[in-house]
Amino acid sequence: MSAVAGSVLQPMLADEQQAAYALYRAAMMPGLSRIARWDEALQRQRFAASQQAASLFWFEEDGARRALLSLRRDATGLIVDLLVVPPAQQRSGCGRRAMRLVQALCRPGELVRLSCLRHDRRVRAFYAALGYRVGHAGTDFLELLWQAPA
């Protein structure tokens, strides 16, 4: 899809769905389990639905897969429905580089929108350091926004 300094977004192929779900499960279960019981059937259904509603991409650096993103475009810019960084890659800068690549895909003035759990301070701090601001605060989730320079 696009490349920035040795990194690229590669579309996920249909036969890679199991590997993608395994990564999603390993990375998401610990955080989600803190607020609700992990429901395997529901999570598989949500993951499959996100695959239909958006495009899934591998974030690769120097040919190695580092993260999984669900990314789509609308009239205002890009929507990140999912960013999953494997636990072994977390806190290595990989997620930051993936999001910088997403930001580089924006046209002047466009937005990048995403949501996160309201009470996940680590994730909120991660996005705040990348320049995201709260666009809307719900009971459990925050909508975060970043705007490309005009």
N, C-alpha and C. Protein backbone atom coordinates (compact mmCIF):
# COMPACT_ATOMS: atom_id res chain seq x y z
N MET A 1 0.83 -1.20 0.00
CA MET A 1 0.00 0.00 0.00
C MET A 1 0.86 1.26 0.00
N SER A 2 1.65 1.45 1.03
CA SER A 2 2.49 2.63 1.12
C SER A 2 3.74 2.28 1.91
N ALA A 3 4.81 3.03 1.65
CA ALA A 3 6.05 2.76 2.37
C ALA A 3 6.63 4.05 2.93
N VAL A 4 7.23 3.97 4.10
CA VAL A 4 7.93 5.07 4.73
C VAL A 4 9.17 4.49 5.39
N ALA A 5 10.35 4.92 4.97
CA ALA A 5 11.62 4.55 5.60
C ALA A 5 11.72 3.09 6.01
N GLY A 6 11.62 2.18 5.04
CA GLY A 6 11.79 0.77 5.32
C GLY A 6 10.56 0.07 5.86
N SER A 7 9.46 0.79 6.03
CA SER A 7 8.24 0.16 6.51
C SER A 7 7.17 0.23 5.44
N VAL A 8 6.24 -0.73 5.49
CA VAL A 8 5.22 -0.82 4.46
C VAL A 8 3.96 -1.45 5.06
N LEU A 9 2.81 -1.12 4.50
CA LEU A 9 1.55 -1.78 4.82
C LEU A 9 1.25 -2.74 3.68
N GLN A 10 1.13 -4.03 4.02
CA GLN A 10 0.83 -5.06 3.03
C GLN A 10 -0.57 -5.60 3.32
N PRO A 11 -1.44 -5.67 2.32
CA PRO A 11 -2.77 -6.23 2.54
C PRO A 11 -2.67 -7.66 3.06
N MET A 12 -3.52 -7.98 4.03
CA MET A 12 -3.59 -9.34 4.55
C MET A 12 -4.29 -10.21 3.52
N LEU A 13 -3.73 -11.36 3.24
CA LEU A 13 -4.31 -12.31 2.30
C LEU A 13 -5.35 -13.18 3.00
N ALA A 14 -6.29 -13.70 2.24
CA ALA A 14 -7.38 -14.50 2.81
C ALA A 14 -6.87 -15.69 3.61
N ASP A 15 -5.79 -16.33 3.16
CA ASP A 15 -5.29 -17.51 3.87
C ASP A 15 -4.50 -17.16 5.13
N GLU A 16 -4.39 -15.88 5.45
CA GLU A 16 -3.67 -15.44 6.64
C GLU A 16 -4.61 -15.09 7.80
N GLN A 17 -5.89 -15.34 7.63
CA GLN A 17 -6.88 -14.94 8.63
C GLN A 17 -6.61 -15.60 9.99
N GLN A 18 -6.27 -16.88 10.01
CA GLN A 18 -6.01 -17.57 11.28
C GLN A 18 -4.82 -16.96 12.01
N ALA A 19 -3.75 -16.68 11.28
CA ALA A 19 -2.57 -16.06 11.90
C ALA A 19 -2.91 -14.67 12.44
N ALA A 20 -3.71 -13.93 11.69
CA ALA A 20 -4.11 -12.60 12.12
C ALA A 20 -4.98 -12.67 13.38
N TYR A 21 -5.92 -13.62 13.42
CA TYR A 21 -6.76 -13.75 14.60
C TYR A 21 -5.94 -14.18 15.82
N ALA A 22 -4.98 -15.06 15.62
CA ALA A 22 -4.13 -15.50 16.73
C ALA A 22 -3.37 -14.32 17.32
N LEU A 23 -2.86 -13.46 16.48
CA LEU A 23 -2.17 -12.25 16.94
C LEU A 23 -3.14 -11.34 17.69
N TYR A 24 -4.31 -11.12 17.12
CA TYR A 24 -5.34 -10.29 17.75
C TYR A 24 -5.67 -10.83 19.14
N ARG A 25 -5.89 -12.14 19.23
CA ARG A 25 -6.27 -12.76 20.49
C ARG A 25 -5.16 -12.60 21.53
N ALA A 26 -3.92 -12.89 21.14
CA ALA A 26 -2.79 -12.81 22.08
C ALA A 26 -2.58 -11.39 22.60
N ALA A 27 -2.79 -10.41 21.75
CA ALA A 27 -2.54 -9.03 22.14
C ALA A 27 -3.73 -8.39 22.85
N MET A 28 -4.94 -8.76 22.48
CA MET A 28 -6.12 -8.08 23.01
C MET A 28 -6.72 -8.72 24.26
N MET A 29 -6.58 -10.02 24.41
CA MET A 29 -7.24 -10.70 25.51
C MET A 29 -6.84 -10.15 26.89
N PRO A 30 -5.56 -9.92 27.17
CA PRO A 30 -5.21 -9.42 28.51
C PRO A 30 -5.90 -8.10 28.86
N GLY A 31 -5.93 -7.15 27.94
CA GLY A 31 -6.55 -5.86 28.22
C GLY A 31 -8.05 -5.93 28.33
N LEU A 32 -8.68 -6.64 27.40
CA LEU A 32 -10.13 -6.74 27.43
C LEU A 32 -10.62 -7.56 28.61
N SER A 33 -9.85 -8.53 29.03
CA SER A 33 -10.24 -9.37 30.16
C SER A 33 -10.28 -8.60 31.47
N ARG A 34 -9.59 -7.46 31.53
CA ARG A 34 -9.63 -6.65 32.74
C ARG A 34 -10.98 -5.99 32.95
N ILE A 35 -11.72 -5.77 31.86
CA ILE A 35 -13.01 -5.09 31.99
C ILE A 35 -14.20 -6.00 31.73
N ALA A 36 -13.98 -7.12 31.07
CA ALA A 36 -15.08 -8.05 30.77
C ALA A 36 -14.50 -9.43 30.52
N ARG A 37 -15.35 -10.43 30.65
CA ARG A 37 -14.92 -11.80 30.38
C ARG A 37 -14.66 -11.96 28.88
N TRP A 38 -13.57 -12.60 28.52
CA TRP A 38 -13.25 -12.85 27.12
C TRP A 38 -14.24 -13.87 26.58
N ASP A 39 -14.97 -13.50 25.56
CA ASP A 39 -15.95 -14.38 24.93
C ASP A 39 -15.38 -14.76 23.56
N GLU A 40 -14.86 -15.98 23.45
CA GLU A 40 -14.17 -16.40 22.23
C GLU A 40 -15.06 -16.29 20.99
N ALA A 41 -16.29 -16.76 21.09
CA ALA A 41 -17.19 -16.71 19.93
C ALA A 41 -17.48 -15.27 19.52
N LEU A 42 -17.73 -14.41 20.49
CA LEU A 42 -18.01 -13.00 20.20
C LEU A 42 -16.78 -12.32 19.58
N GLN A 43 -15.60 -12.60 20.13
CA GLN A 43 -14.39 -11.98 19.60
C GLN A 43 -14.09 -12.45 18.17
N ARG A 44 -14.31 -13.73 17.88
CA ARG A 44 -14.13 -14.22 16.51
C ARG A 44 -15.12 -13.54 15.56
N GLN A 45 -16.36 -13.36 16.03
CA GLN A 45 -17.38 -12.70 15.21
C GLN A 45 -16.99 -11.24 14.96
N ARG A 46 -16.54 -10.54 15.99
CA ARG A 46 -16.11 -9.13 15.83
C ARG A 46 -14.93 -9.01 14.88
N PHE A 47 -13.99 -9.93 15.04
CA PHE A 47 -12.81 -9.88 14.17
C PHE A 47 -13.22 -10.11 12.72
N ALA A 48 -14.07 -11.08 12.47
CA ALA A 48 -14.55 -11.35 11.11
C ALA A 48 -15.31 -10.15 10.56
N ALA A 49 -16.12 -9.50 11.40
CA ALA A 49 -16.88 -8.33 10.96
C ALA A 49 -15.94 -7.17 10.62
N SER A 50 -14.88 -6.99 11.41
CA SER A 50 -13.95 -5.90 11.12
C SER A 50 -13.23 -6.15 9.81
N GLN A 51 -13.04 -7.43 9.50
CA GLN A 51 -12.40 -7.76 8.24
C GLN A 51 -13.30 -7.39 7.07
N GLN A 52 -14.61 -7.49 7.24
CA GLN A 52 -15.55 -7.12 6.18
C GLN A 52 -15.73 -5.62 6.10
N ALA A 53 -15.71 -4.94 7.26
CA ALA A 53 -15.99 -3.51 7.30
C ALA A 53 -14.77 -2.67 6.92
N ALA A 54 -13.60 -3.23 7.02
CA ALA A 54 -12.38 -2.47 6.75
C ALA A 54 -11.35 -3.39 6.13
N SER A 55 -10.26 -2.81 5.75
CA SER A 55 -9.17 -3.59 5.16
C SER A 55 -8.12 -3.88 6.22
N LEU A 56 -7.66 -5.12 6.25
CA LEU A 56 -6.61 -5.52 7.18
C LEU A 56 -5.26 -5.50 6.48
N PHE A 57 -4.28 -4.94 7.19
CA PHE A 57 -2.93 -4.80 6.65
C PHE A 57 -1.92 -5.26 7.68
N TRP A 58 -0.86 -5.87 7.20
CA TRP A 58 0.31 -6.15 8.02
C TRP A 58 1.22 -4.94 7.95
N PHE A 59 1.70 -4.48 9.08
CA PHE A 59 2.74 -3.46 9.12
C PHE A 59 4.06 -4.21 9.13
N GLU A 60 4.87 -4.01 8.09
CA GLU A 60 6.13 -4.72 7.96
C GLU A 60 7.29 -3.73 7.97
N GLU A 61 8.36 -4.17 8.60
CA GLU A 61 9.62 -3.42 8.59
C GLU A 61 10.72 -4.38 8.16
N ASP A 62 11.45 -3.98 7.14
CA ASP A 62 12.54 -4.81 6.62
C ASP A 62 12.08 -6.24 6.37
N GLY A 63 10.86 -6.39 5.84
CA GLY A 63 10.32 -7.69 5.47
C GLY A 63 9.72 -8.50 6.61
N ALA A 64 9.79 -8.01 7.84
CA ALA A 64 9.24 -8.74 8.99
C ALA A 64 7.92 -8.12 9.43
N ARG A 65 6.95 -8.96 9.70
CA ARG A 65 5.65 -8.47 10.19
C ARG A 65 5.77 -8.02 11.63
N ARG A 66 5.34 -6.80 11.88
CA ARG A 66 5.47 -6.23 13.23
C ARG A 66 4.13 -5.93 13.89
N ALA A 67 3.06 -5.73 13.09
CA ALA A 67 1.76 -5.37 13.65
C ALA A 67 0.68 -5.63 12.61
N LEU A 68 -0.55 -5.60 13.08
CA LEU A 68 -1.72 -5.77 12.23
C LEU A 68 -2.60 -4.55 12.41
N LEU A 69 -3.05 -3.98 11.28
CA LEU A 69 -3.94 -2.82 11.31
C LEU A 69 -5.19 -3.08 10.50
N SER A 70 -6.29 -2.55 10.98
CA SER A 70 -7.52 -2.48 10.19
C SER A 70 -7.70 -1.01 9.88
N LEU A 71 -7.68 -0.69 8.60
CA LEU A 71 -7.64 0.70 8.16
C LEU A 71 -8.59 0.91 7.00
N ARG A 72 -9.35 2.00 7.07
CA ARG A 72 -10.26 2.34 5.97
C ARG A 72 -10.31 3.85 5.81
N ARG A 73 -10.80 4.27 4.68
CA ARG A 73 -10.89 5.70 4.36
C ARG A 73 -12.35 6.09 4.25
N ASP A 74 -12.66 7.32 4.71
CA ASP A 74 -13.98 7.91 4.47
C ASP A 74 -13.77 9.34 4.00
N ALA A 75 -14.82 10.13 3.95
CA ALA A 75 -14.74 11.48 3.40
C ALA A 75 -13.83 12.41 4.21
N THR A 76 -13.62 12.13 5.50
CA THR A 76 -12.80 13.02 6.33
C THR A 76 -11.36 12.56 6.49
N GLY A 77 -11.07 11.33 6.08
CA GLY A 77 -9.70 10.84 6.22
C GLY A 77 -9.64 9.35 6.46
N LEU A 78 -8.82 8.94 7.41
CA LEU A 78 -8.59 7.52 7.68
C LEU A 78 -9.17 7.13 9.04
N ILE A 79 -9.67 5.91 9.11
CA ILE A 79 -10.18 5.36 10.35
C ILE A 79 -9.36 4.11 10.66
N VAL A 80 -8.76 4.09 11.83
CA VAL A 80 -8.03 2.93 12.29
C VAL A 80 -8.98 2.16 13.21
N ASP A 81 -9.48 1.04 12.74
CA ASP A 81 -10.39 0.23 13.54
C ASP A 81 -9.63 -0.69 14.48
N LEU A 82 -8.36 -0.94 14.17
CA LEU A 82 -7.60 -1.90 14.96
C LEU A 82 -6.11 -1.68 14.73
N LEU A 83 -5.37 -1.66 15.81
CA LEU A 83 -3.91 -1.73 15.76
C LEU A 83 -3.51 -2.78 16.78
N VAL A 84 -2.92 -3.85 16.31
CA VAL A 84 -2.49 -4.93 17.20
C VAL A 84 -0.99 -5.12 17.03
N VAL A 85 -0.30 -4.90 18.12
CA VAL A 85 1.15 -5.12 18.16
C VAL A 85 1.39 -6.35 19.03
N PRO A 86 2.12 -7.35 18.53
CA PRO A 86 2.37 -8.55 19.35
C PRO A 86 3.02 -8.16 20.68
N PRO A 87 2.67 -8.86 21.74
CA PRO A 87 3.24 -8.52 23.05
C PRO A 87 4.77 -8.41 23.03
N ALA A 88 5.45 -9.27 22.29
CA ALA A 88 6.92 -9.21 22.24
C ALA A 88 7.44 -7.94 21.56
N GLN A 89 6.62 -7.31 20.73
CA GLN A 89 7.02 -6.09 20.02
C GLN A 89 6.60 -4.82 20.74
N GLN A 90 5.73 -4.95 21.75
CA GLN A 90 5.24 -3.76 22.45
C GLN A 90 6.38 -3.05 23.17
N ARG A 91 6.27 -1.74 23.20
CA ARG A 91 7.26 -0.85 23.84
C ARG A 91 8.60 -0.84 23.10
N SER A 92 8.57 -1.22 21.82
CA SER A 92 9.79 -1.19 21.00
C SER A 92 9.76 -0.04 19.99
N GLY A 93 8.65 0.70 19.95
CA GLY A 93 8.49 1.77 18.97
C GLY A 93 7.75 1.32 17.72
N CYS A 94 7.45 0.04 17.64
CA CYS A 94 6.78 -0.52 16.46
C CYS A 94 5.40 0.11 16.23
N GLY A 95 4.58 0.21 17.28
CA GLY A 95 3.26 0.80 17.15
C GLY A 95 3.34 2.26 16.74
N ARG A 96 4.29 2.98 17.30
CA ARG A 96 4.50 4.39 16.94
C ARG A 96 4.86 4.52 15.46
N ARG A 97 5.74 3.66 14.99
CA ARG A 97 6.13 3.73 13.58
C ARG A 97 4.97 3.35 12.66
N ALA A 98 4.17 2.39 13.09
CA ALA A 98 2.98 2.01 12.29
C ALA A 98 2.01 3.20 12.19
N MET A 99 1.78 3.87 13.31
CA MET A 99 0.85 5.00 13.28
C MET A 99 1.43 6.19 12.52
N ARG A 100 2.72 6.38 12.56
CA ARG A 100 3.35 7.44 11.75
C ARG A 100 3.16 7.15 10.26
N LEU A 101 3.23 5.88 9.90
CA LEU A 101 2.99 5.50 8.51
C LEU A 101 1.54 5.80 8.12
N VAL A 102 0.60 5.48 9.00
CA VAL A 102 -0.81 5.80 8.75
C VAL A 102 -0.97 7.31 8.58
N GLN A 103 -0.36 8.09 9.45
CA GLN A 103 -0.46 9.55 9.35
C GLN A 103 0.13 10.05 8.03
N ALA A 104 1.19 9.41 7.56
CA ALA A 104 1.82 9.82 6.30
C ALA A 104 0.90 9.58 5.10
N LEU A 105 -0.10 8.72 5.25
CA LEU A 105 -1.05 8.44 4.17
C LEU A 105 -2.11 9.53 4.02
N CYS A 106 -2.20 10.40 5.01
CA CYS A 106 -3.23 11.45 4.99
C CYS A 106 -2.88 12.57 4.03
N ARG A 107 -3.92 13.09 3.42
CA ARG A 107 -3.80 14.30 2.62
C ARG A 107 -3.85 15.50 3.57
N PRO A 108 -3.36 16.67 3.13
CA PRO A 108 -3.40 17.85 4.01
C PRO A 108 -4.80 18.11 4.57
N GLY A 109 -4.87 18.30 5.88
CA GLY A 109 -6.12 18.60 6.56
C GLY A 109 -6.98 17.40 6.92
N GLU A 110 -6.63 16.21 6.44
CA GLU A 110 -7.43 15.03 6.75
C GLU A 110 -7.21 14.58 8.20
N LEU A 111 -8.17 13.81 8.69
CA LEU A 111 -8.12 13.28 10.04
C LEU A 111 -7.76 11.80 10.04
N VAL A 112 -7.13 11.37 11.12
CA VAL A 112 -7.05 9.96 11.47
C VAL A 112 -7.92 9.83 12.71
N ARG A 113 -8.89 8.89 12.67
CA ARG A 113 -9.80 8.67 13.78
C ARG A 113 -9.66 7.24 14.28
N LEU A 114 -9.79 7.08 15.58
CA LEU A 114 -9.75 5.76 16.19
C LEU A 114 -10.43 5.85 17.55
N SER A 115 -10.66 4.70 18.16
CA SER A 115 -11.21 4.72 19.51
C SER A 115 -10.36 3.83 20.40
N CYS A 116 -10.42 4.12 21.69
CA CYS A 116 -9.71 3.32 22.67
C CYS A 116 -10.55 3.25 23.94
N LEU A 117 -10.22 2.30 24.78
CA LEU A 117 -10.91 2.20 26.06
C LEU A 117 -10.62 3.43 26.90
N ARG A 118 -11.65 4.02 27.45
CA ARG A 118 -11.53 5.25 28.22
C ARG A 118 -10.53 5.11 29.37
N HIS A 119 -10.50 3.97 30.04
CA HIS A 119 -9.68 3.80 31.23
C HIS A 119 -8.31 3.18 30.98
N ASP A 120 -7.94 3.00 29.71
CA ASP A 120 -6.63 2.43 29.39
C ASP A 120 -5.61 3.56 29.28
N ARG A 121 -5.01 3.89 30.39
CA ARG A 121 -4.09 5.05 30.44
C ARG A 121 -2.86 4.87 29.56
N ARG A 122 -2.38 3.64 29.48
CA ARG A 122 -1.18 3.38 28.67
C ARG A 122 -1.46 3.66 27.19
N VAL A 123 -2.60 3.19 26.69
CA VAL A 123 -2.96 3.42 25.30
C VAL A 123 -3.25 4.90 25.06
N ARG A 124 -3.94 5.53 25.99
CA ARG A 124 -4.22 6.97 25.85
C ARG A 124 -2.93 7.77 25.79
N ALA A 125 -1.97 7.44 26.64
CA ALA A 125 -0.68 8.14 26.64
C ALA A 125 0.07 7.90 25.33
N PHE A 126 -0.01 6.68 24.81
CA PHE A 126 0.62 6.35 23.54
C PHE A 126 0.11 7.28 22.44
N TYR A 127 -1.22 7.38 22.32
CA TYR A 127 -1.79 8.23 21.26
C TYR A 127 -1.59 9.71 21.53
N ALA A 128 -1.63 10.13 22.78
CA ALA A 128 -1.38 11.54 23.10
C ALA A 128 0.03 11.95 22.67
N ALA A 129 0.99 11.05 22.87
CA ALA A 129 2.38 11.34 22.46
C ALA A 129 2.50 11.47 20.94
N LEU A 130 1.57 10.88 20.21
CA LEU A 130 1.57 10.99 18.75
C LEU A 130 0.74 12.18 18.26
N GLY A 131 0.18 12.96 19.18
CA GLY A 131 -0.56 14.16 18.80
C GLY A 131 -2.06 13.99 18.69
N TYR A 132 -2.60 12.87 19.16
CA TYR A 132 -4.04 12.66 19.11
C TYR A 132 -4.71 13.40 20.25
N ARG A 133 -5.94 13.88 19.99
CA ARG A 133 -6.73 14.55 21.01
C ARG A 133 -8.09 13.87 21.09
N VAL A 134 -8.77 14.07 22.20
CA VAL A 134 -10.09 13.47 22.38
C VAL A 134 -11.10 14.26 21.56
N GLY A 135 -11.80 13.55 20.68
CA GLY A 135 -12.85 14.17 19.88
C GLY A 135 -14.22 13.99 20.52
N HIS A 136 -14.40 12.83 21.16
CA HIS A 136 -15.67 12.52 21.83
C HIS A 136 -15.38 11.53 22.95
N ALA A 137 -16.01 11.76 24.10
CA ALA A 137 -15.85 10.86 25.23
C ALA A 137 -17.16 10.15 25.51
N GLY A 138 -17.16 8.83 25.37
CA GLY A 138 -18.32 8.02 25.72
C GLY A 138 -18.12 7.41 27.09
N THR A 139 -19.04 6.57 27.50
CA THR A 139 -18.96 5.93 28.81
C THR A 139 -17.74 5.04 28.92
N ASP A 140 -17.51 4.20 27.92
CA ASP A 140 -16.40 3.25 27.97
C ASP A 140 -15.27 3.54 26.99
N PHE A 141 -15.57 4.31 25.94
CA PHE A 141 -14.60 4.53 24.88
C PHE A 141 -14.38 6.02 24.63
N LEU A 142 -13.21 6.33 24.10
CA LEU A 142 -12.88 7.68 23.65
C LEU A 142 -12.64 7.62 22.15
N GLU A 143 -13.15 8.62 21.42
CA GLU A 143 -12.78 8.78 20.02
C GLU A 143 -11.59 9.73 20.02
N LEU A 144 -10.51 9.31 19.40
CA LEU A 144 -9.30 10.12 19.31
C LEU A 144 -9.09 10.58 17.89
N LEU A 145 -8.58 11.81 17.75
CA LEU A 145 -8.40 12.43 16.44
C LEU A 145 -6.99 12.97 16.29
N TRP A 146 -6.47 12.87 15.09
CA TRP A 146 -5.22 13.52 14.69
C TRP A 146 -5.49 14.15 13.35
N GLN A 147 -5.04 15.40 13.17
CA GLN A 147 -5.27 16.07 11.89
C GLN A 147 -3.95 16.37 11.21
N ALA A 148 -3.90 16.00 9.92
CA ALA A 148 -2.70 16.27 9.12
C ALA A 148 -2.57 17.77 8.91
N PRO A 149 -1.36 18.29 8.91
CA PRO A 149 -1.18 19.72 8.66
C PRO A 149 -1.77 20.12 7.31
N ALA A 150 -2.34 21.31 7.27
CA ALA A 150 -2.96 21.80 6.02
C ALA A 150 -1.92 22.17 5.00
